[in-house]
Amino acid sequence: MRIGGAIVLLAVGAILAFAVTVNNSHGFNVNTIGVILMIAGGIWFLAELVVYGSHRREVVTPVAPVAPPPTTEYRY
């Protein structure tokens, strides 16, 4: 999982940070874990863009050789 794993980590972190409310966590803050996961997912995403963004895929299609244009010679 390249960029997909980073996006999943960002999504899970956003869900934990913004959508989950816990009243009694006994020192374990779910919202803080969500922010940490979002930061880790963002760093992972940027690292993937740097590493794999520089690899260009180049498609080389073979070109048939072009025949020279026909010449007309006039002989008198």
Protein backbone atom coordinates (compact mmCIF):
# COMPACT_ATOMS: atom_id res chain seq x y z
CA MET A 1 0.00 0.00 0.00
CA ARG A 2 1.60 3.17 -1.13
CA ILE A 3 -0.52 6.27 -1.20
CA GLY A 4 -3.64 4.27 -0.31
CA GLY A 5 -2.27 3.39 3.12
CA ALA A 6 -1.51 7.02 3.83
CA ILE A 7 -5.02 8.07 2.83
CA VAL A 8 -6.54 5.38 5.05
CA LEU A 9 -4.40 6.54 7.97
CA LEU A 10 -5.48 10.13 7.37
CA ALA A 11 -9.15 9.09 7.23
CA VAL A 12 -9.00 7.02 10.42
CA GLY A 13 -7.19 9.84 12.18
CA ALA A 14 -9.80 12.36 11.05
CA ILE A 15 -12.61 10.12 12.27
CA LEU A 16 -10.96 9.70 15.67
CA ALA A 17 -10.10 13.38 15.95
CA PHE A 18 -13.38 14.95 14.86
CA ALA A 19 -16.21 12.39 14.99
CA VAL A 20 -15.59 10.39 18.17
CA THR A 21 -16.57 11.73 21.58
CA VAL A 22 -15.51 9.80 24.68
CA ASN A 23 -16.65 10.90 28.13
CA ASN A 24 -14.57 8.62 30.36
CA SER A 25 -11.24 7.66 28.84
CA HIS A 26 -9.04 7.41 31.99
CA GLY A 27 -6.07 9.28 30.56
CA PHE A 28 -6.38 7.93 27.03
CA ASN A 29 -7.49 10.73 24.73
CA VAL A 30 -8.92 9.35 21.48
CA ASN A 31 -8.91 12.78 19.85
CA THR A 32 -5.15 13.16 20.43
CA ILE A 33 -4.52 9.73 18.91
CA GLY A 34 -6.56 10.85 15.89
CA VAL A 35 -4.42 13.96 15.44
CA ILE A 36 -1.25 11.87 15.76
CA LEU A 37 -2.56 9.45 13.11
CA MET A 38 -3.41 12.35 10.81
CA ILE A 39 0.10 13.79 11.16
CA ALA A 40 1.66 10.37 10.52
CA GLY A 41 -0.58 9.85 7.47
CA GLY A 42 0.34 13.29 6.12
CA ILE A 43 4.06 12.59 6.50
CA TRP A 44 3.61 9.19 4.84
CA PHE A 45 1.65 10.79 1.97
CA LEU A 46 4.30 13.46 1.38
CA ALA A 47 7.07 10.86 1.50
CA GLU A 48 5.28 8.78 -1.11
CA LEU A 49 4.89 11.81 -3.36
CA VAL A 50 8.60 12.62 -3.05
CA VAL A 51 9.81 9.06 -3.61
CA TYR A 52 7.40 7.87 -6.27
CA GLY A 53 6.51 11.20 -7.80
CA SER A 54 9.96 11.52 -9.31
CA HIS A 55 9.64 8.25 -11.22
CA ARG A 56 8.18 9.13 -14.56
CA ARG A 57 6.63 6.46 -16.62
CA GLU A 58 7.70 6.94 -20.17
CA VAL A 59 6.06 5.01 -22.94
CA VAL A 60 8.17 4.62 -26.03
CA THR A 61 6.29 3.62 -29.11
CA PRO A 62 8.32 2.28 -31.99
CA VAL A 63 8.12 4.34 -35.12
CA ALA A 64 8.31 2.68 -38.50
CA PRO A 65 11.14 3.99 -40.64
CA VAL A 66 10.05 6.63 -43.06
CA ALA A 67 10.92 6.03 -46.70
CA PRO A 68 12.51 8.99 -48.48
CA PRO A 69 10.16 10.82 -50.80
CA PRO A 70 10.16 9.51 -54.35
CA THR A 71 12.26 11.51 -56.75
CA THR A 72 11.30 12.04 -60.33
CA GLU A 73 14.14 12.00 -62.75
CA TYR A 74 13.59 13.25 -66.29
CA ARG A 75 15.95 11.90 -68.90
CA TYR A 76 16.03 13.46 -72.33
